[in-house]
Amino acid sequence: MIFEKVEKESKEIVFVYTTCMDMEEARAIGYSAIEEKLATSADYWMVNSIYPWNNVIREIGQCMLMLATTKILSDKLIKHIETEHSYNIPMIVRSDISMTTPPYFLWVENTLTGKGKYITETEEQTRKREEEGYHYDRLK
């Protein structure tokens, strides 16, 4: 039997949150994080935020982005967010979680360690059509 040493951190799922200027920025950061296999999912929604900036209390609409990843990948994910983000000082936090269901844990682990490149839904539909014998440039 072969035993493999696995760091405890690599098995822990965490959520990384950030607020974004708008839905487009949240989607772009989430999409690129998943493409780079730094996150397994990106959930984003509109929020209203109140905070002081330059001694003035601001109230604005923003978009909250929550990314699921592993603790061991979270530092790389945070650096990715900092690089892609439009804010000078983005709010980025990591939240450790104490429990997850085994099926979700296995999905996260397999998603982040899987080989190969992801494709878009449009690419998947095109591939399915081609497998069925349909081609854009010719009739069946």
C-alpha atoms as a PDB file:
ATOM      1  CA  MET A   1       0.000   0.000   0.000  1.00  0.00           C
ATOM      2  CA  ILE A   2       1.182   3.481  -0.800  1.00  0.00           C
ATOM      3  CA  PHE A   3       0.516   6.159   1.775  1.00  0.00           C
ATOM      4  CA  GLU A   4       0.458   9.755   0.796  1.00  0.00           C
ATOM      5  CA  LYS A   5       1.132  12.589   3.192  1.00  0.00           C
ATOM      6  CA  VAL A   6      -1.612  15.165   2.815  1.00  0.00           C
ATOM      7  CA  GLU A   7      -1.400  18.528   4.498  1.00  0.00           C
ATOM      8  CA  LYS A   8      -4.433  19.242   6.640  1.00  0.00           C
ATOM      9  CA  GLU A   9      -4.806  22.660   4.955  1.00  0.00           C
ATOM     10  CA  SER A  10      -5.224  21.057   1.536  1.00  0.00           C
ATOM     11  CA  LYS A  11      -8.362  19.296   2.773  1.00  0.00           C
ATOM     12  CA  GLU A  12     -10.068  22.333   4.315  1.00  0.00           C
ATOM     13  CA  ILE A  13     -12.642  24.240   2.299  1.00  0.00           C
ATOM     14  CA  VAL A  14     -12.814  28.003   2.780  1.00  0.00           C
ATOM     15  CA  PHE A  15     -14.804  30.855   1.284  1.00  0.00           C
ATOM     16  CA  VAL A  16     -13.122  34.023   0.043  1.00  0.00           C
ATOM     17  CA  TYR A  17     -15.310  37.119  -0.161  1.00  0.00           C
ATOM     18  CA  THR A  18     -14.792  40.450  -1.886  1.00  0.00           C
ATOM     19  CA  THR A  19     -16.985  43.349  -2.907  1.00  0.00           C
ATOM     20  CA  CYS A  20     -16.800  44.504  -6.523  1.00  0.00           C
ATOM     21  CA  MET A  21     -17.763  47.655  -8.358  1.00  0.00           C
ATOM     22  CA  ASP A  22     -20.529  45.874 -10.315  1.00  0.00           C
ATOM     23  CA  MET A  23     -21.836  42.520 -11.536  1.00  0.00           C
ATOM     24  CA  GLU A  24     -19.534  42.511 -14.572  1.00  0.00           C
ATOM     25  CA  GLU A  25     -16.409  42.826 -12.428  1.00  0.00           C
ATOM     26  CA  ALA A  26     -17.602  40.124 -10.011  1.00  0.00           C
ATOM     27  CA  ARG A  27     -18.393  37.790 -12.896  1.00  0.00           C
ATOM     28  CA  ALA A  28     -15.013  38.434 -14.564  1.00  0.00           C
ATOM     29  CA  ILE A  29     -13.045  37.785 -11.369  1.00  0.00           C
ATOM     30  CA  GLY A  30     -15.093  34.693 -10.580  1.00  0.00           C
ATOM     31  CA  TYR A  31     -14.794  33.309 -14.088  1.00  0.00           C
ATOM     32  CA  SER A  32     -11.016  33.802 -14.247  1.00  0.00           C
ATOM     33  CA  ALA A  33     -10.529  32.261 -10.773  1.00  0.00           C
ATOM     34  CA  ILE A  34     -12.408  29.153 -11.883  1.00  0.00           C
ATOM     35  CA  GLU A  35     -10.522  28.980 -15.195  1.00  0.00           C
ATOM     36  CA  GLU A  36      -7.233  29.119 -13.268  1.00  0.00           C
ATOM     37  CA  LYS A  37      -8.504  26.364 -10.920  1.00  0.00           C
ATOM     38  CA  LEU A  38      -8.151  28.634  -7.911  1.00  0.00           C
ATOM     39  CA  ALA A  39     -11.852  28.329  -7.024  1.00  0.00           C
ATOM     40  CA  THR A  40     -14.615  25.812  -7.611  1.00  0.00           C
ATOM     41  CA  SER A  41     -17.523  28.219  -7.664  1.00  0.00           C
ATOM     42  CA  ALA A  42     -18.277  31.911  -7.722  1.00  0.00           C
ATOM     43  CA  ASP A  43     -21.520  33.272  -6.345  1.00  0.00           C
ATOM     44  CA  TYR A  44     -22.281  36.954  -6.746  1.00  0.00           C
ATOM     45  CA  TRP A  45     -25.156  39.222  -5.806  1.00  0.00           C
ATOM     46  CA  MET A  46     -25.942  42.900  -5.356  1.00  0.00           C
ATOM     47  CA  VAL A  47     -25.470  44.449  -1.908  1.00  0.00           C
ATOM     48  CA  ASN A  48     -25.791  47.913  -0.416  1.00  0.00           C
ATOM     49  CA  SER A  49     -22.680  49.035   1.447  1.00  0.00           C
ATOM     50  CA  ILE A  50     -22.094  51.738   4.044  1.00  0.00           C
ATOM     51  CA  TYR A  51     -18.511  52.635   4.941  1.00  0.00           C
ATOM     52  CA  PRO A  52     -16.322  55.659   5.681  1.00  0.00           C
ATOM     53  CA  TRP A  53     -13.957  56.757   2.906  1.00  0.00           C
ATOM     54  CA  ASN A  54     -11.836  59.905   3.165  1.00  0.00           C
ATOM     55  CA  ASN A  55     -13.781  60.926   6.304  1.00  0.00           C
ATOM     56  CA  VAL A  56     -17.143  60.742   4.514  1.00  0.00           C
ATOM     57  CA  ILE A  57     -19.688  58.024   5.181  1.00  0.00           C
ATOM     58  CA  ARG A  58     -20.555  56.552   1.805  1.00  0.00           C
ATOM     59  CA  GLU A  59     -23.556  54.443   0.842  1.00  0.00           C
ATOM     60  CA  ILE A  60     -23.284  52.688  -2.508  1.00  0.00           C
ATOM     61  CA  GLY A  61     -24.428  49.633  -4.387  1.00  0.00           C
ATOM     62  CA  GLN A  62     -21.770  46.991  -4.945  1.00  0.00           C
ATOM     63  CA  CYS A  63     -21.615  43.344  -5.853  1.00  0.00           C
ATOM     64  CA  MET A  64     -20.566  40.705  -3.310  1.00  0.00           C
ATOM     65  CA  LEU A  65     -18.467  37.865  -4.713  1.00  0.00           C
ATOM     66  CA  MET A  66     -18.026  34.622  -2.755  1.00  0.00           C
ATOM     67  CA  LEU A  67     -15.553  32.041  -4.018  1.00  0.00           C
ATOM     68  CA  ALA A  68     -15.183  28.478  -2.706  1.00  0.00           C
ATOM     69  CA  THR A  69     -11.676  27.027  -2.586  1.00  0.00           C
ATOM     70  CA  THR A  70      -9.299  25.113  -0.344  1.00  0.00           C
ATOM     71  CA  LYS A  71      -7.291  26.726   2.417  1.00  0.00           C
ATOM     72  CA  ILE A  72      -4.018  25.834   0.706  1.00  0.00           C
ATOM     73  CA  LEU A  73      -5.098  27.652  -2.497  1.00  0.00           C
ATOM     74  CA  SER A  74      -6.623  30.651  -0.732  1.00  0.00           C
ATOM     75  CA  ASP A  75      -3.447  32.789  -0.725  1.00  0.00           C
ATOM     76  CA  LYS A  76      -3.075  32.337  -4.505  1.00  0.00           C
ATOM     77  CA  LEU A  77      -6.756  33.135  -4.968  1.00  0.00           C
ATOM     78  CA  ILE A  78      -6.445  36.308  -2.873  1.00  0.00           C
ATOM     79  CA  LYS A  79      -3.447  37.454  -4.932  1.00  0.00           C
ATOM     80  CA  HIS A  80      -5.458  36.732  -8.099  1.00  0.00           C
ATOM     81  CA  ILE A  81      -8.336  38.867  -6.813  1.00  0.00           C
ATOM     82  CA  GLU A  82      -5.947  41.708  -5.901  1.00  0.00           C
ATOM     83  CA  THR A  83      -4.492  41.619  -9.425  1.00  0.00           C
ATOM     84  CA  GLU A  84      -7.876  41.604 -11.173  1.00  0.00           C
ATOM     85  CA  HIS A  85      -9.728  44.016  -8.867  1.00  0.00           C
ATOM     86  CA  SER A  86     -10.495  47.629  -9.790  1.00  0.00           C
ATOM     87  CA  TYR A  87     -10.435  48.989  -6.222  1.00  0.00           C
ATOM     88  CA  ASN A  88      -7.241  50.403  -4.711  1.00  0.00           C
ATOM     89  CA  ILE A  89      -8.063  48.715  -1.402  1.00  0.00           C
ATOM     90  CA  PRO A  90     -10.477  45.862  -2.066  1.00  0.00           C
ATOM     91  CA  MET A  91     -12.248  44.194   0.844  1.00  0.00           C
ATOM     92  CA  ILE A  92     -11.027  40.592   0.698  1.00  0.00           C
ATOM     93  CA  VAL A  93     -11.666  38.154   3.536  1.00  0.00           C
ATOM     94  CA  ARG A  94     -11.265  34.431   3.979  1.00  0.00           C
ATOM     95  CA  SER A  95     -13.837  32.566   6.014  1.00  0.00           C
ATOM     96  CA  ASP A  96     -12.967  29.132   7.358  1.00  0.00           C
ATOM     97  CA  ILE A  97     -15.866  26.715   7.552  1.00  0.00           C
ATOM     98  CA  SER A  98     -16.296  24.030  10.169  1.00  0.00           C
ATOM     99  CA  MET A  99     -18.365  21.510   8.219  1.00  0.00           C
ATOM    100  CA  THR A 100     -19.357  20.488   4.738  1.00  0.00           C
ATOM    101  CA  THR A 101     -21.140  17.468   3.356  1.00  0.00           C
ATOM    102  CA  PRO A 102     -18.883  14.691   2.018  1.00  0.00           C
ATOM    103  CA  PRO A 103     -20.284  14.871  -1.543  1.00  0.00           C
ATOM    104  CA  TYR A 104     -19.622  18.627  -1.720  1.00  0.00           C
ATOM    105  CA  PHE A 105     -16.132  18.167  -0.283  1.00  0.00           C
ATOM    106  CA  LEU A 106     -15.321  15.501  -2.905  1.00  0.00           C
ATOM    107  CA  TRP A 107     -16.661  17.707  -5.689  1.00  0.00           C
ATOM    108  CA  VAL A 108     -14.466  20.634  -4.542  1.00  0.00           C
ATOM    109  CA  GLU A 109     -11.402  18.400  -4.261  1.00  0.00           C
ATOM    110  CA  ASN A 110     -11.950  16.788  -7.687  1.00  0.00           C
ATOM    111  CA  THR A 111     -12.682  20.117  -9.358  1.00  0.00           C
ATOM    112  CA  LEU A 112      -9.502  21.790  -8.104  1.00  0.00           C
ATOM    113  CA  THR A 113      -7.210  18.832  -8.803  1.00  0.00           C
ATOM    114  CA  GLY A 114      -8.710  17.683 -12.105  1.00  0.00           C
ATOM    115  CA  LYS A 115      -6.670  17.818 -15.272  1.00  0.00           C
ATOM    116  CA  GLY A 116      -7.662  19.577 -18.435  1.00  0.00           C
ATOM    117  CA  LYS A 117      -9.162  22.896 -19.387  1.00  0.00           C
ATOM    118  CA  TYR A 118     -12.758  23.883 -18.786  1.00  0.00           C
ATOM    119  CA  ILE A 119     -15.001  24.729 -21.725  1.00  0.00           C
ATOM    120  CA  THR A 120     -17.951  27.101 -21.917  1.00  0.00           C
ATOM    121  CA  GLU A 121     -21.561  25.973 -22.280  1.00  0.00           C
ATOM    122  CA  THR A 122     -21.508  27.264 -25.872  1.00  0.00           C
ATOM    123  CA  GLU A 123     -18.440  25.136 -26.630  1.00  0.00           C
ATOM    124  CA  GLU A 124     -20.164  22.133 -25.058  1.00  0.00           C
ATOM    125  CA  GLN A 125     -23.257  22.626 -27.245  1.00  0.00           C
ATOM    126  CA  THR A 126     -21.081  22.929 -30.355  1.00  0.00           C
ATOM    127  CA  ARG A 127     -19.192  19.748 -29.431  1.00  0.00           C
ATOM    128  CA  LYS A 128     -22.468  17.851 -28.903  1.00  0.00           C
ATOM    129  CA  ARG A 129     -23.795  18.989 -32.281  1.00  0.00           C
ATOM    130  CA  GLU A 130     -20.594  17.882 -33.984  1.00  0.00           C
ATOM    131  CA  GLU A 131     -20.779  14.485 -32.273  1.00  0.00           C
ATOM    132  CA  GLU A 132     -24.303  14.122 -33.645  1.00  0.00           C
ATOM    133  CA  GLY A 133     -23.087  14.948 -37.154  1.00  0.00           C
ATOM    134  CA  TYR A 134     -24.110  18.602 -37.397  1.00  0.00           C
ATOM    135  CA  HIS A 135     -21.564  21.111 -38.651  1.00  0.00           C
ATOM    136  CA  TYR A 136     -21.979  24.825 -39.104  1.00  0.00           C
ATOM    137  CA  ASP A 137     -20.293  24.832 -42.499  1.00  0.00           C
ATOM    138  CA  ARG A 138     -22.217  21.978 -44.111  1.00  0.00           C
ATOM    139  CA  LEU A 139     -25.543  20.206 -44.034  1.00  0.00           C
ATOM    140  CA  LYS A 140     -25.915  16.767 -42.516  1.00  0.00           C
END
